[in-house]
Amino acid sequence: MSTQSRPNELTAIVPIRAGSKGLPNKNIMLVNGLPLYMHAVSQAIRTVGSVVLSTDIESIDEIGLPPFCTLCRRPRELATDDTPMEDVIRHLIEEQSLVGTTLVLLQATSPLRSDNDVNAGLS
């Protein structure tokens, strides 16, 4: 299924945060020449068309993000080890006015997910 045949109200969400117990700064570490989170962002643009990056990482700014990618600063209280993803998504819906939009959650820590996997989930 191509992105042209999908409704316009489809948006991918890529949540990343600074804290990590197992591997500090994992979301911004280079993997195959790109920061880990950029693999999910690029895939979101290819498969969904647009993406909102939710983060508390100060070094990430909109200047370094590709077209069709919006940055949403996540409050510290929504960037802890025990923050439910539901709360992160609720924050994005409110901050980015995404009510009525179909959201596609793409975790940055799943870099081996294929475009076909995403497309299959959307069909």
PDB file of N, CA and C in Angstrom:
ATOM      1  N   MET A   1       0.843  -1.168   0.000  1.00  0.00           N
ATOM      2  CA  MET A   1       0.000   0.000   0.000  1.00  0.00           C
ATOM      3  C   MET A   1       0.889   1.232   0.000  1.00  0.00           C
ATOM      4  N   SER A   2       0.677   2.131  -0.915  1.00  0.00           N
ATOM      5  CA  SER A   2       1.494   3.338  -0.974  1.00  0.00           C
ATOM      6  C   SER A   2       0.916   4.398  -0.056  1.00  0.00           C
ATOM      7  N   THR A   3       1.747   5.368   0.298  1.00  0.00           N
ATOM      8  CA  THR A   3       1.274   6.425   1.186  1.00  0.00           C
ATOM      9  C   THR A   3       0.228   7.294   0.496  1.00  0.00           C
ATOM     10  N   GLN A   4       0.216   7.343  -0.841  1.00  0.00           N
ATOM     11  CA  GLN A   4      -0.758   8.152  -1.546  1.00  0.00           C
ATOM     12  C   GLN A   4      -2.183   7.627  -1.341  1.00  0.00           C
ATOM     13  N   SER A   5      -2.362   6.324  -1.115  1.00  0.00           N
ATOM     14  CA  SER A   5      -3.699   5.767  -0.968  1.00  0.00           C
ATOM     15  C   SER A   5      -4.198   5.806   0.470  1.00  0.00           C
ATOM     16  N   ARG A   6      -3.381   6.283   1.381  1.00  0.00           N
ATOM     17  CA  ARG A   6      -3.765   6.359   2.783  1.00  0.00           C
ATOM     18  C   ARG A   6      -4.418   7.699   3.077  1.00  0.00           C
ATOM     19  N   PRO A   7      -5.281   7.748   4.088  1.00  0.00           N
ATOM     20  CA  PRO A   7      -5.892   9.026   4.447  1.00  0.00           C
ATOM     21  C   PRO A   7      -4.855  10.017   4.970  1.00  0.00           C
ATOM     22  N   ASN A   8      -5.146  11.313   4.813  1.00  0.00           N
ATOM     23  CA  ASN A   8      -4.230  12.359   5.261  1.00  0.00           C
ATOM     24  C   ASN A   8      -4.100  12.417   6.769  1.00  0.00           C
ATOM     25  N   GLU A   9      -5.054  11.869   7.487  1.00  0.00           N
ATOM     26  CA  GLU A   9      -5.035  11.971   8.939  1.00  0.00           C
ATOM     27  C   GLU A   9      -4.212  10.858   9.591  1.00  0.00           C
ATOM     28  N   LEU A  10      -3.193  10.396   8.931  1.00  0.00           N
ATOM     29  CA  LEU A  10      -2.304   9.350   9.434  1.00  0.00           C
ATOM     30  C   LEU A  10      -0.982   9.993   9.834  1.00  0.00           C
ATOM     31  N   THR A  11      -0.554   9.771  11.092  1.00  0.00           N
ATOM     32  CA  THR A  11       0.690  10.351  11.596  1.00  0.00           C
ATOM     33  C   THR A  11       1.446   9.312  12.408  1.00  0.00           C
ATOM     34  N   ALA A  12       2.733   9.221  12.200  1.00  0.00           N
ATOM     35  CA  ALA A  12       3.567   8.329  13.007  1.00  0.00           C
ATOM     36  C   ALA A  12       4.080   9.085  14.223  1.00  0.00           C
ATOM     37  N   ILE A  13       4.268   8.342  15.290  1.00  0.00           N
ATOM     38  CA  ILE A  13       4.848   8.879  16.515  1.00  0.00           C
ATOM     39  C   ILE A  13       6.113   8.092  16.816  1.00  0.00           C
ATOM     40  N   VAL A  14       7.212   8.811  17.039  1.00  0.00           N
ATOM     41  CA  VAL A  14       8.467   8.191  17.451  1.00  0.00           C
ATOM     42  C   VAL A  14       8.835   8.801  18.807  1.00  0.00           C
ATOM     43  N   PRO A  15       8.628   8.048  19.890  1.00  0.00           N
ATOM     44  CA  PRO A  15       8.984   8.565  21.209  1.00  0.00           C
ATOM     45  C   PRO A  15      10.408   8.159  21.595  1.00  0.00           C
ATOM     46  N   ILE A  16      11.201   9.124  22.001  1.00  0.00           N
ATOM     47  CA  ILE A  16      12.541   8.818  22.504  1.00  0.00           C
ATOM     48  C   ILE A  16      12.776   9.663  23.750  1.00  0.00           C
ATOM     49  N   ARG A  17      13.610   9.143  24.637  1.00  0.00           N
ATOM     50  CA  ARG A  17      13.922   9.904  25.841  1.00  0.00           C
ATOM     51  C   ARG A  17      15.402   9.765  26.159  1.00  0.00           C
ATOM     52  N   ALA A  18      15.882  10.665  26.965  1.00  0.00           N
ATOM     53  CA  ALA A  18      17.306  10.695  27.301  1.00  0.00           C
ATOM     54  C   ALA A  18      17.696   9.551  28.226  1.00  0.00           C
ATOM     55  N   GLY A  19      16.858   9.248  29.195  1.00  0.00           N
ATOM     56  CA  GLY A  19      17.214   8.247  30.205  1.00  0.00           C
ATOM     57  C   GLY A  19      17.170   6.824  29.687  1.00  0.00           C
ATOM     58  N   SER A  20      18.157   6.047  30.063  1.00  0.00           N
ATOM     59  CA  SER A  20      18.197   4.619  29.755  1.00  0.00           C
ATOM     60  C   SER A  20      19.081   3.961  30.797  1.00  0.00           C
ATOM     61  N   LYS A  21      18.542   2.972  31.465  1.00  0.00           N
ATOM     62  CA  LYS A  21      19.324   2.273  32.488  1.00  0.00           C
ATOM     63  C   LYS A  21      20.359   1.348  31.863  1.00  0.00           C
ATOM     64  N   GLY A  22      19.946   0.619  30.826  1.00  0.00           N
ATOM     65  CA  GLY A  22      20.814  -0.394  30.241  1.00  0.00           C
ATOM     66  C   GLY A  22      21.921   0.152  29.364  1.00  0.00           C
ATOM     67  N   LEU A  23      21.596   1.128  28.526  1.00  0.00           N
ATOM     68  CA  LEU A  23      22.554   1.684  27.572  1.00  0.00           C
ATOM     69  C   LEU A  23      22.324   3.198  27.491  1.00  0.00           C
ATOM     70  N   PRO A  24      23.054   3.953  28.299  1.00  0.00           N
ATOM     71  CA  PRO A  24      22.855   5.407  28.320  1.00  0.00           C
ATOM     72  C   PRO A  24      22.977   6.034  26.930  1.00  0.00           C
ATOM     73  N   ASN A  25      22.087   6.961  26.641  1.00  0.00           N
ATOM     74  CA  ASN A  25      22.063   7.703  25.366  1.00  0.00           C
ATOM     75  C   ASN A  25      21.832   6.822  24.145  1.00  0.00           C
ATOM     76  N   LYS A  26      21.219   5.673  24.334  1.00  0.00           N
ATOM     77  CA  LYS A  26      21.050   4.736  23.216  1.00  0.00           C
ATOM     78  C   LYS A  26      20.287   5.337  22.041  1.00  0.00           C
ATOM     79  N   ASN A  27      19.308   6.188  22.290  1.00  0.00           N
ATOM     80  CA  ASN A  27      18.488   6.716  21.202  1.00  0.00           C
ATOM     81  C   ASN A  27      19.235   7.662  20.275  1.00  0.00           C
ATOM     82  N   ILE A  28      20.344   8.219  20.744  1.00  0.00           N
ATOM     83  CA  ILE A  28      21.117   9.124  19.886  1.00  0.00           C
ATOM     84  C   ILE A  28      22.437   8.511  19.427  1.00  0.00           C
ATOM     85  N   MET A  29      22.704   7.260  19.815  1.00  0.00           N
ATOM     86  CA  MET A  29      23.926   6.569  19.356  1.00  0.00           C
ATOM     87  C   MET A  29      23.827   6.272  17.863  1.00  0.00           C
ATOM     88  N   LEU A  30      24.972   6.319  17.208  1.00  0.00           N
ATOM     89  CA  LEU A  30      25.003   6.023  15.775  1.00  0.00           C
ATOM     90  C   LEU A  30      24.846   4.525  15.530  1.00  0.00           C
ATOM     91  N   VAL A  31      23.936   4.214  14.628  1.00  0.00           N
ATOM     92  CA  VAL A  31      23.716   2.848  14.159  1.00  0.00           C
ATOM     93  C   VAL A  31      23.718   2.922  12.634  1.00  0.00           C
ATOM     94  N   ASN A  32      24.685   2.287  12.029  1.00  0.00           N
ATOM     95  CA  ASN A  32      24.825   2.329  10.574  1.00  0.00           C
ATOM     96  C   ASN A  32      24.877   3.775  10.061  1.00  0.00           C
ATOM     97  N   GLY A  33      25.603   4.627  10.791  1.00  0.00           N
ATOM     98  CA  GLY A  33      25.835   5.994  10.351  1.00  0.00           C
ATOM     99  C   GLY A  33      24.789   7.023  10.742  1.00  0.00           C
ATOM    100  N   LEU A  34      23.688   6.595  11.365  1.00  0.00           N
ATOM    101  CA  LEU A  34      22.628   7.517  11.772  1.00  0.00           C
ATOM    102  C   LEU A  34      22.303   7.331  13.245  1.00  0.00           C
ATOM    103  N   PRO A  35      21.843   8.385  13.917  1.00  0.00           N
ATOM    104  CA  PRO A  35      21.359   8.179  15.282  1.00  0.00           C
ATOM    105  C   PRO A  35      20.206   7.164  15.249  1.00  0.00           C
ATOM    106  N   LEU A  36      20.119   6.332  16.268  1.00  0.00           N
ATOM    107  CA  LEU A  36      19.115   5.274  16.314  1.00  0.00           C
ATOM    108  C   LEU A  36      17.718   5.796  16.004  1.00  0.00           C
ATOM    109  N   TYR A  37      17.330   6.919  16.604  1.00  0.00           N
ATOM    110  CA  TYR A  37      15.975   7.431  16.392  1.00  0.00           C
ATOM    111  C   TYR A  37      15.695   7.812  14.947  1.00  0.00           C
ATOM    112  N   MET A  38      16.733   8.217  14.190  1.00  0.00           N
ATOM    113  CA  MET A  38      16.526   8.630  12.802  1.00  0.00           C
ATOM    114  C   MET A  38      16.111   7.476  11.892  1.00  0.00           C
ATOM    115  N   HIS A  39      16.434   6.250  12.268  1.00  0.00           N
ATOM    116  CA  HIS A  39      15.969   5.103  11.482  1.00  0.00           C
ATOM    117  C   HIS A  39      14.448   5.032  11.539  1.00  0.00           C
ATOM    118  N   ALA A  40      13.871   5.227  12.723  1.00  0.00           N
ATOM    119  CA  ALA A  40      12.412   5.201  12.874  1.00  0.00           C
ATOM    120  C   ALA A  40      11.773   6.419  12.204  1.00  0.00           C
ATOM    121  N   VAL A  41      12.396   7.584  12.340  1.00  0.00           N
ATOM    122  CA  VAL A  41      11.873   8.803  11.717  1.00  0.00           C
ATOM    123  C   VAL A  41      11.846   8.644  10.192  1.00  0.00           C
ATOM    124  N   SER A  42      12.930   8.166   9.625  1.00  0.00           N
ATOM    125  CA  SER A  42      13.006   7.974   8.169  1.00  0.00           C
ATOM    126  C   SER A  42      11.976   6.952   7.695  1.00  0.00           C
ATOM    127  N   GLN A  43      11.835   5.878   8.454  1.00  0.00           N
ATOM    128  CA  GLN A  43      10.854   4.859   8.098  1.00  0.00           C
ATOM    129  C   GLN A  43       9.435   5.425   8.176  1.00  0.00           C
ATOM    130  N   ALA A  44       9.169   6.228   9.177  1.00  0.00           N
ATOM    131  CA  ALA A  44       7.847   6.846   9.310  1.00  0.00           C
ATOM    132  C   ALA A  44       7.531   7.722   8.105  1.00  0.00           C
ATOM    133  N   ILE A  45       8.495   8.498   7.660  1.00  0.00           N
ATOM    134  CA  ILE A  45       8.282   9.364   6.504  1.00  0.00           C
ATOM    135  C   ILE A  45       8.031   8.529   5.255  1.00  0.00           C
ATOM    136  N   ARG A  46       8.799   7.455   5.084  1.00  0.00           N
ATOM    137  CA  ARG A  46       8.626   6.585   3.911  1.00  0.00           C
ATOM    138  C   ARG A  46       7.273   5.882   3.909  1.00  0.00           C
ATOM    139  N   THR A  47       6.833   5.409   5.052  1.00  0.00           N
ATOM    140  CA  THR A  47       5.650   4.544   5.101  1.00  0.00           C
ATOM    141  C   THR A  47       4.355   5.257   5.487  1.00  0.00           C
ATOM    142  N   VAL A  48       4.460   6.273   6.319  1.00  0.00           N
ATOM    143  CA  VAL A  48       3.273   6.970   6.813  1.00  0.00           C
ATOM    144  C   VAL A  48       3.140   8.350   6.185  1.00  0.00           C
ATOM    145  N   GLY A  49       4.246   9.013   5.984  1.00  0.00           N
ATOM    146  CA  GLY A  49       4.234  10.324   5.344  1.00  0.00           C
ATOM    147  C   GLY A  49       4.607  11.460   6.266  1.00  0.00           C
ATOM    148  N   SER A  50       4.240  11.366   7.543  1.00  0.00           N
ATOM    149  CA  SER A  50       4.607  12.411   8.497  1.00  0.00           C
ATOM    150  C   SER A  50       4.846  11.776   9.856  1.00  0.00           C
ATOM    151  N   VAL A  51       5.613  12.494  10.679  1.00  0.00           N
ATOM    152  CA  VAL A  51       6.000  11.932  11.975  1.00  0.00           C
ATOM    153  C   VAL A  51       6.133  13.048  13.004  1.00  0.00           C
ATOM    154  N   VAL A  52       5.770  12.714  14.229  1.00  0.00           N
ATOM    155  CA  VAL A  52       6.021  13.594  15.365  1.00  0.00           C
ATOM    156  C   VAL A  52       7.026  12.882  16.258  1.00  0.00           C
ATOM    157  N   LEU A  53       8.134  13.543  16.525  1.00  0.00           N
ATOM    158  CA  LEU A  53       9.176  13.012  17.395  1.00  0.00           C
ATOM    159  C   LEU A  53       8.963  13.604  18.784  1.00  0.00           C
ATOM    160  N   SER A  54       8.688  12.746  19.747  1.00  0.00           N
ATOM    161  CA  SER A  54       8.470  13.177  21.126  1.00  0.00           C
ATOM    162  C   SER A  54       9.738  12.900  21.920  1.00  0.00           C
ATOM    163  N   THR A  55      10.308  13.963  22.524  1.00  0.00           N
ATOM    164  CA  THR A  55      11.569  13.767  23.234  1.00  0.00           C
ATOM    165  C   THR A  55      11.810  14.797  24.324  1.00  0.00           C
ATOM    166  N   ASP A  56      12.627  14.387  25.279  1.00  0.00           N
ATOM    167  CA  ASP A  56      13.148  15.296  26.296  1.00  0.00           C
ATOM    168  C   ASP A  56      14.636  15.548  26.069  1.00  0.00           C
ATOM    169  N   ILE A  57      15.177  15.045  24.969  1.00  0.00           N
ATOM    170  CA  ILE A  57      16.603  15.191  24.674  1.00  0.00           C
ATOM    171  C   ILE A  57      16.856  16.609  24.138  1.00  0.00           C
ATOM    172  N   GLU A  58      17.597  17.381  24.920  1.00  0.00           N
ATOM    173  CA  GLU A  58      17.816  18.794  24.598  1.00  0.00           C
ATOM    174  C   GLU A  58      18.588  19.015  23.297  1.00  0.00           C
ATOM    175  N   SER A  59      19.476  18.093  22.936  1.00  0.00           N
ATOM    176  CA  SER A  59      20.333  18.310  21.760  1.00  0.00           C
ATOM    177  C   SER A  59      19.602  18.129  20.433  1.00  0.00           C
ATOM    178  N   ILE A  60      18.395  17.606  20.480  1.00  0.00           N
ATOM    179  CA  ILE A  60      17.627  17.417  19.250  1.00  0.00           C
ATOM    180  C   ILE A  60      16.773  18.656  19.026  1.00  0.00           C
ATOM    181  N   ASP A  61      16.924  19.251  17.872  1.00  0.00           N
ATOM    182  CA  ASP A  61      16.096  20.403  17.553  1.00  0.00           C
ATOM    183  C   ASP A  61      15.539  20.279  16.152  1.00  0.00           C
ATOM    184  N   GLU A  62      14.564  21.079  15.842  1.00  0.00           N
ATOM    185  CA  GLU A  62      13.885  20.982  14.553  1.00  0.00           C
ATOM    186  C   GLU A  62      14.793  21.287  13.371  1.00  0.00           C
ATOM    187  N   ILE A  63      15.853  22.036  13.592  1.00  0.00           N
ATOM    188  CA  ILE A  63      16.748  22.385  12.487  1.00  0.00           C
ATOM    189  C   ILE A  63      17.380  21.122  11.899  1.00  0.00           C
ATOM    190  N   GLY A  64      17.660  20.132  12.734  1.00  0.00           N
ATOM    191  CA  GLY A  64      18.299  18.914  12.268  1.00  0.00           C
ATOM    192  C   GLY A  64      17.335  17.828  11.834  1.00  0.00           C
ATOM    193  N   LEU A  65      16.041  18.118  11.831  1.00  0.00           N
ATOM    194  CA  LEU A  65      15.060  17.105  11.458  1.00  0.00           C
ATOM    195  C   LEU A  65      14.660  17.245   9.991  1.00  0.00           C
ATOM    196  N   PRO A  66      14.333  16.133   9.355  1.00  0.00           N
ATOM    197  CA  PRO A  66      13.950  16.178   7.944  1.00  0.00           C
ATOM    198  C   PRO A  66      12.556  16.770   7.751  1.00  0.00           C
ATOM    199  N   PRO A  67      12.211  17.123   6.515  1.00  0.00           N
ATOM    200  CA  PRO A  67      10.847  17.583   6.224  1.00  0.00           C
ATOM    201  C   PRO A  67       9.837  16.519   6.652  1.00  0.00           C
ATOM    202  N   PHE A  68       8.654  16.953   6.997  1.00  0.00           N
ATOM    203  CA  PHE A  68       7.541  16.093   7.422  1.00  0.00           C
ATOM    204  C   PHE A  68       7.746  15.519   8.819  1.00  0.00           C
ATOM    205  N   CYS A  69       8.742  16.047   9.536  1.00  0.00           N
ATOM    206  CA  CYS A  69       8.998  15.612  10.911  1.00  0.00           C
ATOM    207  C   CYS A  69       8.855  16.817  11.831  1.00  0.00           C
ATOM    208  N   THR A  70       8.001  16.660  12.844  1.00  0.00           N
ATOM    209  CA  THR A  70       7.750  17.714  13.815  1.00  0.00           C
ATOM    210  C   THR A  70       8.299  17.288  15.166  1.00  0.00           C
ATOM    211  N   LEU A  71       8.903  18.225  15.863  1.00  0.00           N
ATOM    212  CA  LEU A  71       9.433  17.945  17.183  1.00  0.00           C
ATOM    213  C   LEU A  71       8.424  18.371  18.243  1.00  0.00           C
ATOM    214  N   CYS A  72       8.199  17.511  19.226  1.00  0.00           N
ATOM    215  CA  CYS A  72       7.356  17.839  20.372  1.00  0.00           C
ATOM    216  C   CYS A  72       8.171  17.596  21.630  1.00  0.00           C
ATOM    217  N   ARG A  73       8.452  18.670  22.352  1.00  0.00           N
ATOM    218  CA  ARG A  73       9.221  18.547  23.594  1.00  0.00           C
ATOM    219  C   ARG A  73       8.377  17.842  24.647  1.00  0.00           C
ATOM    220  N   ARG A  74       8.950  16.807  25.223  1.00  0.00           N
ATOM    221  CA  ARG A  74       8.254  16.039  26.253  1.00  0.00           C
ATOM    222  C   ARG A  74       8.675  16.538  27.633  1.00  0.00           C
ATOM    223  N   PRO A  75       7.704  16.806  28.509  1.00  0.00           N
ATOM    224  CA  PRO A  75       8.047  17.233  29.871  1.00  0.00           C
ATOM    225  C   PRO A  75       8.790  16.128  30.621  1.00  0.00           C
ATOM    226  N   ARG A  76       9.647  16.521  31.527  1.00  0.00           N
ATOM    227  CA  ARG A  76      10.443  15.559  32.299  1.00  0.00           C
ATOM    228  C   ARG A  76       9.585  14.495  32.979  1.00  0.00           C
ATOM    229  N   GLU A  77       8.435  14.892  33.497  1.00  0.00           N
ATOM    230  CA  GLU A  77       7.580  13.924  34.202  1.00  0.00           C
ATOM    231  C   GLU A  77       7.009  12.851  33.270  1.00  0.00           C
ATOM    232  N   LEU A  78       7.112  13.061  31.953  1.00  0.00           N
ATOM    233  CA  LEU A  78       6.674  12.055  30.986  1.00  0.00           C
ATOM    234  C   LEU A  78       7.860  11.353  30.333  1.00  0.00           C
ATOM    235  N   ALA A  79       9.022  11.449  30.952  1.00  0.00           N
ATOM    236  CA  ALA A  79      10.237  10.850  30.389  1.00  0.00           C
ATOM    237  C   ALA A  79      10.974  10.002  31.421  1.00  0.00           C
ATOM    238  N   THR A  80      10.221   9.284  32.229  1.00  0.00           N
ATOM    239  CA  THR A  80      10.826   8.425  33.246  1.00  0.00           C
ATOM    240  C   THR A  80      10.716   6.964  32.823  1.00  0.00           C
ATOM    241  N   ASP A  81      11.440   6.099  33.520  1.00  0.00           N
ATOM    242  CA  ASP A  81      11.396   4.665  33.214  1.00  0.00           C
ATOM    243  C   ASP A  81      10.004   4.074  33.342  1.00  0.00           C
ATOM    244  N   ASP A  82       9.208   4.629  34.244  1.00  0.00           N
ATOM    245  CA  ASP A  82       7.885   4.037  34.489  1.00  0.00           C
ATOM    246  C   ASP A  82       6.727   4.853  33.915  1.00  0.00           C
ATOM    247  N   THR A  83       7.014   5.807  33.036  1.00  0.00           N
ATOM    248  CA  THR A  83       5.947   6.560  32.381  1.00  0.00           C
ATOM    249  C   THR A  83       5.229   5.659  31.383  1.00  0.00           C
ATOM    250  N   PRO A  84       3.920   5.491  31.526  1.00  0.00           N
ATOM    251  CA  PRO A  84       3.179   4.683  30.554  1.00  0.00           C
ATOM    252  C   PRO A  84       3.164   5.354  29.176  1.00  0.00           C
ATOM    253  N   MET A  85       3.280   4.567  28.124  1.00  0.00           N
ATOM    254  CA  MET A  85       3.245   5.100  26.759  1.00  0.00           C
ATOM    255  C   MET A  85       1.924   5.829  26.511  1.00  0.00           C
ATOM    256  N   GLU A  86       0.870   5.369  27.149  1.00  0.00           N
ATOM    257  CA  GLU A  86      -0.437   6.015  27.012  1.00  0.00           C
ATOM    258  C   GLU A  86      -0.357   7.501  27.384  1.00  0.00           C
ATOM    259  N   ASP A  87       0.385   7.821  28.432  1.00  0.00           N
ATOM    260  CA  ASP A  87       0.529   9.216  28.860  1.00  0.00           C
ATOM    261  C   ASP A  87       1.334  10.030  27.853  1.00  0.00           C
ATOM    262  N   VAL A  88       2.346   9.421  27.277  1.00  0.00           N
ATOM    263  CA  VAL A  88       3.161  10.090  26.256  1.00  0.00           C
ATOM    264  C   VAL A  88       2.299  10.385  25.032  1.00  0.00           C
ATOM    265  N   ILE A  89       1.506   9.427  24.606  1.00  0.00           N
ATOM    266  CA  ILE A  89       0.642   9.607  23.430  1.00  0.00           C
ATOM    267  C   ILE A  89      -0.438  10.649  23.714  1.00  0.00           C
ATOM    268  N   ARG A  90      -1.025  10.614  24.896  1.00  0.00           N
ATOM    269  CA  ARG A  90      -2.037  11.603  25.264  1.00  0.00           C
ATOM    270  C   ARG A  90      -1.437  13.020  25.184  1.00  0.00           C
ATOM    271  N   HIS A  91      -0.222  13.175  25.701  1.00  0.00           N
ATOM    272  CA  HIS A  91       0.457  14.473  25.639  1.00  0.00           C
ATOM    273  C   HIS A  91       0.619  14.920  24.182  1.00  0.00           C
ATOM    274  N   LEU A  92       1.041  14.020  23.310  1.00  0.00           N
ATOM    275  CA  LEU A  92       1.224  14.361  21.892  1.00  0.00           C
ATOM    276  C   LEU A  92      -0.091  14.756  21.230  1.00  0.00           C
ATOM    277  N   ILE A  93      -1.135  14.013  21.520  1.00  0.00           N
ATOM    278  CA  ILE A  93      -2.446  14.315  20.938  1.00  0.00           C
ATOM    279  C   ILE A  93      -2.876  15.730  21.327  1.00  0.00           C
ATOM    280  N   GLU A  94      -2.689  16.074  22.591  1.00  0.00           N
ATOM    281  CA  GLU A  94      -3.074  17.406  23.059  1.00  0.00           C
ATOM    282  C   GLU A  94      -2.168  18.495  22.494  1.00  0.00           C
ATOM    283  N   GLU A  95      -0.866  18.298  22.567  1.00  0.00           N
ATOM    284  CA  GLU A  95       0.090  19.323  22.138  1.00  0.00           C
ATOM    285  C   GLU A  95       0.094  19.554  20.622  1.00  0.00           C
ATOM    286  N   GLN A  96      -0.136  18.497  19.862  1.00  0.00           N
ATOM    287  CA  GLN A  96      -0.055  18.587  18.402  1.00  0.00           C
ATOM    288  C   GLN A  96      -1.425  18.612  17.730  1.00  0.00           C
ATOM    289  N   SER A  97      -2.488  18.711  18.520  1.00  0.00           N
ATOM    290  CA  SER A  97      -3.864  18.731  17.991  1.00  0.00           C
ATOM    291  C   SER A  97      -4.119  17.544  17.068  1.00  0.00           C
ATOM    292  N   LEU A  98      -3.881  16.350  17.576  1.00  0.00           N
ATOM    293  CA  LEU A  98      -4.006  15.127  16.780  1.00  0.00           C
ATOM    294  C   LEU A  98      -5.306  14.362  17.040  1.00  0.00           C
ATOM    295  N   VAL A  99      -6.282  15.007  17.652  1.00  0.00           N
ATOM    296  CA  VAL A  99      -7.566  14.347  17.879  1.00  0.00           C
ATOM    297  C   VAL A  99      -8.160  13.968  16.526  1.00  0.00           C
ATOM    298  N   GLY A 100      -8.596  12.726  16.391  1.00  0.00           N
ATOM    299  CA  GLY A 100      -9.175  12.239  15.140  1.00  0.00           C
ATOM    300  C   GLY A 100      -8.164  11.720  14.141  1.00  0.00           C
ATOM    301  N   THR A 101      -6.885  11.802  14.487  1.00  0.00           N
ATOM    302  CA  THR A 101      -5.818  11.324  13.616  1.00  0.00           C
ATOM    303  C   THR A 101      -5.498   9.874  13.956  1.00  0.00           C
ATOM    304  N   THR A 102      -5.266   9.056  12.946  1.00  0.00           N
ATOM    305  CA  THR A 102      -4.800   7.694  13.179  1.00  0.00           C
ATOM    306  C   THR A 102      -3.307   7.763  13.463  1.00  0.00           C
ATOM    307  N   LEU A 103      -2.908   7.238  14.619  1.00  0.00           N
ATOM    308  CA  LEU A 103      -1.516   7.300  15.040  1.00  0.00           C
ATOM    309  C   LEU A 103      -0.838   5.954  14.877  1.00  0.00           C
ATOM    310  N   VAL A 104       0.401   5.993  14.416  1.00  0.00           N
ATOM    311  CA  VAL A 104       1.212   4.799  14.221  1.00  0.00           C
ATOM    312  C   VAL A 104       2.430   4.937  15.129  1.00  0.00           C
ATOM    313  N   LEU A 105       2.544   4.070  16.119  1.00  0.00           N
ATOM    314  CA  LEU A 105       3.655   4.124  17.069  1.00  0.00           C
ATOM    315  C   LEU A 105       4.842   3.335  16.522  1.00  0.00           C
ATOM    316  N   LEU A 106       5.960   4.011  16.307  1.00  0.00           N
ATOM    317  CA  LEU A 106       7.183   3.367  15.843  1.00  0.00           C
ATOM    318  C   LEU A 106       8.270   3.604  16.886  1.00  0.00           C
ATOM    319  N   GLN A 107       8.611   2.575  17.614  1.00  0.00           N
ATOM    320  CA  GLN A 107       9.641   2.674  18.639  1.00  0.00           C
ATOM    321  C   GLN A 107      11.020   2.750  17.981  1.00  0.00           C
ATOM    322  N   ALA A 108      11.839   3.664  18.434  1.00  0.00           N
ATOM    323  CA  ALA A 108      13.190   3.814  17.887  1.00  0.00           C
ATOM    324  C   ALA A 108      14.045   2.584  18.161  1.00  0.00           C
ATOM    325  N   THR A 109      13.739   1.862  19.220  1.00  0.00           N
ATOM    326  CA  THR A 109      14.541   0.703  19.621  1.00  0.00           C
ATOM    327  C   THR A 109      14.169  -0.575  18.877  1.00  0.00           C
ATOM    328  N   SER A 110      13.461  -0.430  17.756  1.00  0.00           N
ATOM    329  CA  SER A 110      13.155  -1.571  16.882  1.00  0.00           C
ATOM    330  C   SER A 110      13.681  -1.281  15.477  1.00  0.00           C
ATOM    331  N   PRO A 111      14.997  -1.110  15.325  1.00  0.00           N
ATOM    332  CA  PRO A 111      15.540  -0.694  14.029  1.00  0.00           C
ATOM    333  C   PRO A 111      15.480  -1.773  12.944  1.00  0.00           C
ATOM    334  N   LEU A 112      15.182  -2.999  13.310  1.00  0.00           N
ATOM    335  CA  LEU A 112      15.113  -4.061  12.305  1.00  0.00           C
ATOM    336  C   LEU A 112      13.703  -4.239  11.731  1.00  0.00           C
ATOM    337  N   ARG A 113      12.765  -3.435  12.185  1.00  0.00           N
ATOM    338  CA  ARG A 113      11.404  -3.456  11.650  1.00  0.00           C
ATOM    339  C   ARG A 113      11.488  -3.011  10.184  1.00  0.00           C
ATOM    340  N   SER A 114      10.822  -3.723   9.310  1.00  0.00           N
ATOM    341  CA  SER A 114      10.882  -3.389   7.886  1.00  0.00           C
ATOM    342  C   SER A 114       9.706  -2.493   7.489  1.00  0.00           C
ATOM    343  N   ASP A 115       9.858  -1.827   6.355  1.00  0.00           N
ATOM    344  CA  ASP A 115       8.740  -1.037   5.827  1.00  0.00           C
ATOM    345  C   ASP A 115       7.538  -1.935   5.575  1.00  0.00           C
ATOM    346  N   ASN A 116       7.781  -3.173   5.133  1.00  0.00           N
ATOM    347  CA  ASN A 116       6.682  -4.108   4.905  1.00  0.00           C
ATOM    348  C   ASN A 116       5.936  -4.411   6.200  1.00  0.00           C
ATOM    349  N   ASP A 117       6.656  -4.481   7.328  1.00  0.00           N
ATOM    350  CA  ASP A 117       6.008  -4.685   8.615  1.00  0.00           C
ATOM    351  C   ASP A 117       5.050  -3.534   8.928  1.00  0.00           C
ATOM    352  N   VAL A 118       5.505  -2.306   8.716  1.00  0.00           N
ATOM    353  CA  VAL A 118       4.659  -1.146   8.968  1.00  0.00           C
ATOM    354  C   VAL A 118       3.466  -1.151   8.038  1.00  0.00           C
ATOM    355  N   ASN A 119       3.708  -1.368   6.766  1.00  0.00           N
ATOM    356  CA  ASN A 119       2.611  -1.377   5.793  1.00  0.00           C
ATOM    357  C   ASN A 119       1.594  -2.472   6.091  1.00  0.00           C
ATOM    358  N   ALA A 120       2.065  -3.637   6.516  1.00  0.00           N
ATOM    359  CA  ALA A 120       1.147  -4.725   6.861  1.00  0.00           C
ATOM    360  C   ALA A 120       0.277  -4.343   8.057  1.00  0.00           C
ATOM    361  N   GLY A 121       0.854  -3.632   9.009  1.00  0.00           N
ATOM    362  CA  GLY A 121       0.094  -3.179  10.162  1.00  0.00           C
ATOM    363  C   GLY A 121      -0.950  -2.128   9.810  1.00  0.00           C
ATOM    364  N   LEU A 122      -0.756  -1.436   8.709  1.00  0.00           N
ATOM    365  CA  LEU A 122      -1.682  -0.386   8.278  1.00  0.00           C
ATOM    366  C   LEU A 122      -2.763  -0.901   7.347  1.00  0.00           C
ATOM    367  N   SER A 123      -2.602  -2.119   6.874  1.00  0.00           N
ATOM    368  CA  SER A 123      -3.612  -2.611   5.913  1.00  0.00           C
ATOM    369  C   SER A 123      -4.732  -3.343   6.612  1.00  0.00           C
TER     370      SER A 123
END
